[in-house]
């Protein structure tokens, strides 16, 4: 069973849409260990609503926190503390897409950050990058953080409008492969996700 941890260079980068595309393309299971906010319309529910294949399974979050804020703060508001040991990988023989929360250094507690989940899950990282002023810096910093911890990176998945100059310098400086691009979607539904997923089936992740 392969495990891929989908993380982004920041918040609102497209991790959930990317996770849906990958889950559809690979007919993989999906799991978001920590959900903070939007409990009535969680990321798990969003991905479930976008998947067409019948093989993917959707696993219960380890933490469901009410406040839409950093997990450590959302947990504190509820008198809780997040522990890595409580985030147990679901039992499945299928490929598993694991979606993180925010960026890599978002704190879970006073000691651990999102990045610490990756070795805990024995997962390989897929980094989502999106073009905006400052995104080169944020992407390179994210890669550097992963590499300093000797964490395996499958590659970079670009989300949104193409920017060749930005992508070329990121790939050149990191030495990482591009896993492809998810174009800006005017409408996000099962049909558009299924169409985009066709371009990722060949990756054989």
Protein backbone atom coordinates (compact mmCIF):
# COMPACT_ATOMS: atom_id res chain seq x y z
CA UNK A 1 0.00 0.00 0.00
CA UNK A 2 1.38 3.39 -1.02
CA UNK A 3 0.71 6.46 1.13
CA UNK A 4 0.94 9.97 -0.28
CA UNK A 5 0.78 13.02 1.95
CA UNK A 6 -0.69 15.96 0.05
CA UNK A 7 0.55 19.25 1.45
CA UNK A 8 0.72 22.79 0.13
CA UNK A 9 3.00 25.80 0.20
CA UNK A 10 0.31 27.59 2.23
CA UNK A 11 -3.40 27.77 2.90
CA UNK A 12 -6.01 27.84 0.10
CA UNK A 13 -3.52 26.39 -2.38
CA UNK A 14 -5.79 23.66 -3.70
CA UNK A 15 -4.91 20.65 -1.54
CA UNK A 16 -8.48 19.37 -1.41
CA UNK A 17 -9.11 19.65 -5.15
CA UNK A 18 -5.71 18.08 -5.82
CA UNK A 19 -6.50 15.26 -3.40
CA UNK A 20 -9.81 14.65 -5.18
CA UNK A 21 -8.10 14.52 -8.57
CA UNK A 22 -5.44 12.11 -7.31
CA UNK A 23 -7.96 9.91 -5.53
CA UNK A 24 -10.07 9.74 -8.68
CA UNK A 25 -7.09 9.12 -10.97
CA UNK A 26 -5.64 6.36 -8.78
CA UNK A 27 -8.95 5.09 -7.36
CA UNK A 28 -7.24 5.66 -4.03
CA UNK A 29 -8.64 5.98 -0.52
CA UNK A 30 -8.77 9.43 1.08
CA UNK A 31 -8.06 10.50 4.65
CA UNK A 32 -7.74 13.89 6.32
CA UNK A 33 -6.45 13.23 9.83
CA UNK A 34 -7.19 16.72 11.19
CA UNK A 35 -10.20 18.81 10.20
CA UNK A 36 -10.41 22.30 11.69
CA UNK A 37 -13.66 24.13 10.92
CA UNK A 38 -16.41 23.43 8.37
CA UNK A 39 -17.49 20.25 10.14
CA UNK A 40 -20.81 20.30 8.29
CA UNK A 41 -18.99 20.48 4.96
CA UNK A 42 -15.63 18.92 5.74
CA UNK A 43 -12.87 18.30 3.22
CA UNK A 44 -13.68 14.59 3.44
CA UNK A 45 -17.27 15.35 2.44
CA UNK A 46 -16.09 17.64 -0.36
CA UNK A 47 -13.80 14.98 -1.82
CA UNK A 48 -16.50 12.32 -1.43
CA UNK A 49 -18.87 14.51 -3.46
CA UNK A 50 -16.30 14.86 -6.26
CA UNK A 51 -15.33 11.22 -6.72
CA UNK A 52 -16.94 9.04 -9.40
CA UNK A 53 -15.13 5.72 -8.98
CA UNK A 54 -16.52 3.08 -6.64
CA UNK A 55 -13.21 1.82 -5.25
CA UNK A 56 -12.16 4.84 -3.17
CA UNK A 57 -13.00 4.69 0.52
CA UNK A 58 -13.20 7.69 2.85
CA UNK A 59 -11.83 7.37 6.34
CA UNK A 60 -12.87 9.12 9.54
CA UNK A 61 -10.77 12.03 10.74
CA UNK A 62 -8.70 11.56 13.91
CA UNK A 63 -9.59 15.07 15.07
CA UNK A 64 -12.68 17.10 14.18
CA UNK A 65 -12.23 20.60 15.55
CA UNK A 66 -14.90 23.29 15.43
CA UNK A 67 -12.81 26.43 14.88
CA UNK A 68 -11.42 27.27 11.44
CA UNK A 69 -7.94 28.12 12.64
CA UNK A 70 -4.54 26.56 13.29
CA UNK A 71 -5.12 23.03 14.66
CA UNK A 72 -3.20 23.72 17.87
CA UNK A 73 -5.37 26.75 18.64
CA UNK A 74 -8.61 25.08 17.56
CA UNK A 75 -7.81 22.16 19.85
CA UNK A 76 -6.98 24.47 22.76
CA UNK A 77 -10.39 26.13 22.43
CA UNK A 78 -11.96 22.74 23.04
CA UNK A 79 -9.66 21.84 25.92
CA UNK A 80 -7.79 19.32 23.78
CA UNK A 81 -4.21 18.65 22.77
CA UNK A 82 -3.37 16.95 19.49
CA UNK A 83 -1.11 13.91 19.82
CA UNK A 84 0.53 12.20 16.86
CA UNK A 85 -0.14 8.83 18.51
CA UNK A 86 -3.89 9.45 18.14
CA UNK A 87 -3.52 9.89 14.37
CA UNK A 88 -3.53 6.25 13.31
CA UNK A 89 -3.37 5.35 9.63
CA UNK A 90 -6.61 3.68 8.50
CA UNK A 91 -6.51 -0.01 7.73
CA UNK A 92 -6.62 -0.40 3.95
CA UNK A 93 -4.85 -2.32 1.22
CA UNK A 94 -5.51 0.48 -1.24
CA UNK A 95 -3.32 3.46 -2.11
CA UNK A 96 -4.03 6.18 0.45
CA UNK A 97 -4.17 9.93 -0.20
CA UNK A 98 -3.61 11.80 3.08
CA UNK A 99 -4.45 15.50 3.08
CA UNK A 100 -2.67 17.85 5.46
CA UNK A 101 -3.98 21.09 6.96
CA UNK A 102 -2.46 24.40 5.89
CA UNK A 103 1.29 24.42 5.25
CA UNK A 104 4.08 22.24 6.58
CA UNK A 105 4.94 24.29 9.67
CA UNK A 106 1.40 24.80 10.89
CA UNK A 107 1.55 23.79 14.58
CA UNK A 108 -0.38 20.83 15.97
CA UNK A 109 0.74 21.41 19.54
CA UNK A 110 3.69 23.04 21.33
CA UNK A 111 6.09 20.49 19.83
CA UNK A 112 4.79 19.07 16.57
CA UNK A 113 3.81 20.60 13.23
CA UNK A 114 2.02 19.23 10.16
CA UNK A 115 5.39 18.16 8.74
CA UNK A 116 5.83 15.75 11.65
CA UNK A 117 2.83 13.74 10.46
CA UNK A 118 4.66 12.67 7.30
CA UNK A 119 7.30 10.40 8.87
CA UNK A 120 4.72 9.30 11.46
CA UNK A 121 2.59 7.97 8.59
CA UNK A 122 5.61 6.68 6.64
CA UNK A 123 4.26 8.59 3.64
CA UNK A 124 5.77 10.18 0.55
CA UNK A 125 5.05 13.87 -0.01
CA UNK A 126 3.23 15.48 -2.92
CA UNK A 127 3.68 19.26 -2.72
CA UNK A 128 0.98 21.51 -4.17
CA UNK A 129 2.23 24.84 -5.53
CA UNK A 130 0.15 27.70 -6.91
CA UNK A 131 1.46 30.80 -8.65
CA UNK A 132 1.26 34.16 -6.87
CA UNK A 133 3.76 36.85 -5.92
CA UNK A 134 6.00 35.10 -3.40
CA UNK A 135 5.09 31.56 -4.38
CA UNK A 136 8.62 30.74 -5.56
CA UNK A 137 9.96 31.57 -2.11
CA UNK A 138 7.20 29.62 -0.35
CA UNK A 139 7.70 26.60 -2.59
CA UNK A 140 11.47 26.54 -2.15
CA UNK A 141 11.14 26.96 1.62
CA UNK A 142 8.67 24.08 1.76
CA UNK A 143 10.99 21.83 -0.24
CA UNK A 144 13.94 22.83 1.94
CA UNK A 145 12.00 21.95 5.09
CA UNK A 146 11.16 18.51 3.72
CA UNK A 147 14.68 17.84 2.48
CA UNK A 148 16.30 18.90 5.76
CA UNK A 149 14.30 16.14 7.43
CA UNK A 150 15.20 13.63 4.71
CA UNK A 151 11.53 13.19 3.80
CA UNK A 152 10.78 11.67 0.43
CA UNK A 153 9.13 14.00 -2.10
CA UNK A 154 7.32 12.44 -5.05
CA UNK A 155 7.19 15.76 -6.88
CA UNK A 156 5.41 19.08 -7.25
CA UNK A 157 1.86 19.38 -8.53
CA UNK A 158 1.05 22.84 -9.87
CA UNK A 159 -2.47 24.11 -9.34
CA UNK A 160 -4.03 26.86 -11.44
CA UNK A 161 -2.82 29.03 -14.29
CA UNK A 162 0.51 28.16 -15.90
CA UNK A 163 3.59 30.32 -15.31
CA UNK A 164 6.49 28.78 -17.22
CA UNK A 165 9.21 31.01 -15.78
CA UNK A 166 8.12 30.31 -12.22
CA UNK A 167 7.78 26.58 -12.77
CA UNK A 168 11.12 26.29 -14.52
CA UNK A 169 13.06 28.00 -11.73
CA UNK A 170 11.29 25.96 -9.03
CA UNK A 171 12.01 22.67 -10.78
CA UNK A 172 15.58 23.72 -11.58
CA UNK A 173 16.41 24.77 -8.02
CA UNK A 174 14.74 21.79 -6.34
CA UNK A 175 15.62 19.08 -8.85
CA UNK A 176 12.12 17.69 -8.35
CA UNK A 177 9.82 16.47 -11.11
CA UNK A 178 6.57 18.15 -12.01
CA UNK A 179 3.64 15.80 -11.49
CA UNK A 180 1.50 17.95 -13.78
CA UNK A 181 -0.98 20.78 -13.44
CA UNK A 182 -4.59 21.10 -12.43
CA UNK A 183 -6.01 23.94 -14.53
CA UNK A 184 -8.26 26.65 -13.11
CA UNK A 185 -11.73 25.09 -13.15
CA UNK A 186 -14.74 27.31 -13.78
CA UNK A 187 -16.92 24.60 -12.31
CA UNK A 188 -15.85 21.98 -9.78
CA UNK A 189 -17.95 18.83 -9.87
CA UNK A 190 -17.64 15.10 -10.51
CA UNK A 191 -17.43 15.56 -14.27
CA UNK A 192 -14.64 18.14 -14.22
CA UNK A 193 -12.64 16.20 -11.60
CA UNK A 194 -13.01 13.01 -13.65
CA UNK A 195 -11.85 14.82 -16.78
CA UNK A 196 -8.78 16.30 -15.08
CA UNK A 197 -8.00 12.98 -13.42
CA UNK A 198 -7.51 11.37 -16.84
CA UNK A 199 -4.28 13.38 -17.17
CA UNK A 200 -2.86 11.87 -13.98
CA UNK A 201 -3.58 8.17 -14.51
CA UNK A 202 -0.28 7.67 -16.33
CA UNK A 203 1.73 8.81 -13.32
CA UNK A 204 1.63 5.35 -11.72
CA UNK A 205 2.30 6.92 -8.35
